[in-house]
Amino acid sequence: MDAAPLRTAVELREERQRLSERATALRILLLEQEALLAVLTQESDDVLRQCLAARVHVMRQRQPAGA
């Protein structure tokens, strides 16, 4: 049999509690990162739309009248 001492039920409960707290903290961190990514993506999309609108505006101005 293994020479390492068996862990008690109390030790296992404490470890499970620590792991549960860590998992909760990681879930919160993941949600925060997802929220930040959503904001950055939205801002990026807004900037791309603005650039496209400006480009279309310039292209329309360059077209000869009646074209």
C-alpha atoms as a PDB file:
ATOM      1  CA  MET A   1       0.000   0.000   0.000  1.00  0.00           C
ATOM      2  CA  ASP A   2       1.092   3.559  -0.596  1.00  0.00           C
ATOM      3  CA  ALA A   3       3.126   5.083   2.221  1.00  0.00           C
ATOM      4  CA  ALA A   4       1.491   8.508   1.851  1.00  0.00           C
ATOM      5  CA  PRO A   5      -1.048   9.144   4.580  1.00  0.00           C
ATOM      6  CA  LEU A   6      -4.678   9.107   3.604  1.00  0.00           C
ATOM      7  CA  ARG A   7      -6.376  12.470   3.747  1.00  0.00           C
ATOM      8  CA  THR A   8      -9.220  12.906   6.159  1.00  0.00           C
ATOM      9  CA  ALA A   9     -12.742  13.809   5.156  1.00  0.00           C
ATOM     10  CA  VAL A  10     -12.209  17.257   6.688  1.00  0.00           C
ATOM     11  CA  GLU A  11      -9.101  17.827   4.578  1.00  0.00           C
ATOM     12  CA  LEU A  12     -10.939  16.704   1.468  1.00  0.00           C
ATOM     13  CA  ARG A  13     -13.878  19.015   2.255  1.00  0.00           C
ATOM     14  CA  GLU A  14     -11.488  21.932   2.785  1.00  0.00           C
ATOM     15  CA  GLU A  15      -9.727  21.208  -0.485  1.00  0.00           C
ATOM     16  CA  ARG A  16     -13.051  20.931  -2.299  1.00  0.00           C
ATOM     17  CA  GLN A  17     -14.075  24.299  -0.814  1.00  0.00           C
ATOM     18  CA  ARG A  18     -10.804  25.907  -1.948  1.00  0.00           C
ATOM     19  CA  LEU A  19     -11.223  24.462  -5.431  1.00  0.00           C
ATOM     20  CA  SER A  20     -14.823  25.646  -5.570  1.00  0.00           C
ATOM     21  CA  GLU A  21     -13.770  29.165  -4.567  1.00  0.00           C
ATOM     22  CA  ARG A  22     -11.012  29.111  -7.179  1.00  0.00           C
ATOM     23  CA  ALA A  23     -13.436  27.902  -9.849  1.00  0.00           C
ATOM     24  CA  THR A  24     -15.838  30.699  -8.941  1.00  0.00           C
ATOM     25  CA  ALA A  25     -13.039  33.264  -9.159  1.00  0.00           C
ATOM     26  CA  LEU A  26     -12.005  31.902 -12.548  1.00  0.00           C
ATOM     27  CA  ARG A  27     -15.605  32.005 -13.809  1.00  0.00           C
ATOM     28  CA  ILE A  28     -15.866  35.640 -12.724  1.00  0.00           C
ATOM     29  CA  LEU A  29     -12.575  36.449 -14.448  1.00  0.00           C
ATOM     30  CA  LEU A  30     -13.761  34.725 -17.615  1.00  0.00           C
ATOM     31  CA  LEU A  31     -17.036  36.675 -17.584  1.00  0.00           C
ATOM     32  CA  GLU A  32     -15.127  39.933 -17.103  1.00  0.00           C
ATOM     33  CA  GLN A  33     -12.840  39.065 -20.017  1.00  0.00           C
ATOM     34  CA  GLU A  34     -15.809  38.172 -22.223  1.00  0.00           C
ATOM     35  CA  ALA A  35     -17.485  41.469 -21.349  1.00  0.00           C
ATOM     36  CA  LEU A  36     -14.309  43.400 -22.154  1.00  0.00           C
ATOM     37  CA  LEU A  37     -13.943  41.563 -25.442  1.00  0.00           C
ATOM     38  CA  ALA A  38     -17.553  42.377 -26.322  1.00  0.00           C
ATOM     39  CA  VAL A  39     -16.957  46.067 -25.615  1.00  0.00           C
ATOM     40  CA  LEU A  40     -13.739  46.142 -27.619  1.00  0.00           C
ATOM     41  CA  THR A  41     -15.378  44.259 -30.482  1.00  0.00           C
ATOM     42  CA  GLN A  42     -18.276  46.692 -30.515  1.00  0.00           C
ATOM     43  CA  GLU A  43     -15.903  49.669 -30.476  1.00  0.00           C
ATOM     44  CA  SER A  44     -13.868  48.093 -33.264  1.00  0.00           C
ATOM     45  CA  ASP A  45     -17.027  47.488 -35.297  1.00  0.00           C
ATOM     46  CA  ASP A  46     -18.075  51.104 -34.740  1.00  0.00           C
ATOM     47  CA  VAL A  47     -14.680  52.382 -35.919  1.00  0.00           C
ATOM     48  CA  LEU A  48     -14.783  50.129 -38.981  1.00  0.00           C
ATOM     49  CA  ARG A  49     -18.280  51.369 -39.839  1.00  0.00           C
ATOM     50  CA  GLN A  50     -17.141  54.976 -39.485  1.00  0.00           C
ATOM     51  CA  CYS A  51     -14.112  54.362 -41.713  1.00  0.00           C
ATOM     52  CA  LEU A  52     -16.254  52.640 -44.319  1.00  0.00           C
ATOM     53  CA  ALA A  53     -18.797  55.472 -44.250  1.00  0.00           C
ATOM     54  CA  ALA A  54     -16.016  58.040 -44.678  1.00  0.00           C
ATOM     55  CA  ARG A  55     -14.512  56.072 -47.553  1.00  0.00           C
ATOM     56  CA  VAL A  56     -17.875  55.793 -49.303  1.00  0.00           C
ATOM     57  CA  HIS A  57     -18.415  59.518 -48.799  1.00  0.00           C
ATOM     58  CA  VAL A  58     -15.027  60.348 -50.365  1.00  0.00           C
ATOM     59  CA  MET A  59     -15.615  57.946 -53.254  1.00  0.00           C
ATOM     60  CA  ARG A  60     -18.996  59.531 -53.970  1.00  0.00           C
ATOM     61  CA  GLN A  61     -17.445  62.986 -53.957  1.00  0.00           C
ATOM     62  CA  ARG A  62     -14.836  61.872 -56.503  1.00  0.00           C
ATOM     63  CA  GLN A  63     -17.446  60.567 -58.953  1.00  0.00           C
ATOM     64  CA  PRO A  64     -18.318  62.936 -61.764  1.00  0.00           C
ATOM     65  CA  ALA A  65     -21.811  64.414 -61.612  1.00  0.00           C
ATOM     66  CA  GLY A  66     -24.410  62.180 -63.235  1.00  0.00           C
ATOM     67  CA  ALA A  67     -22.194  59.071 -63.056  1.00  0.00           C
END
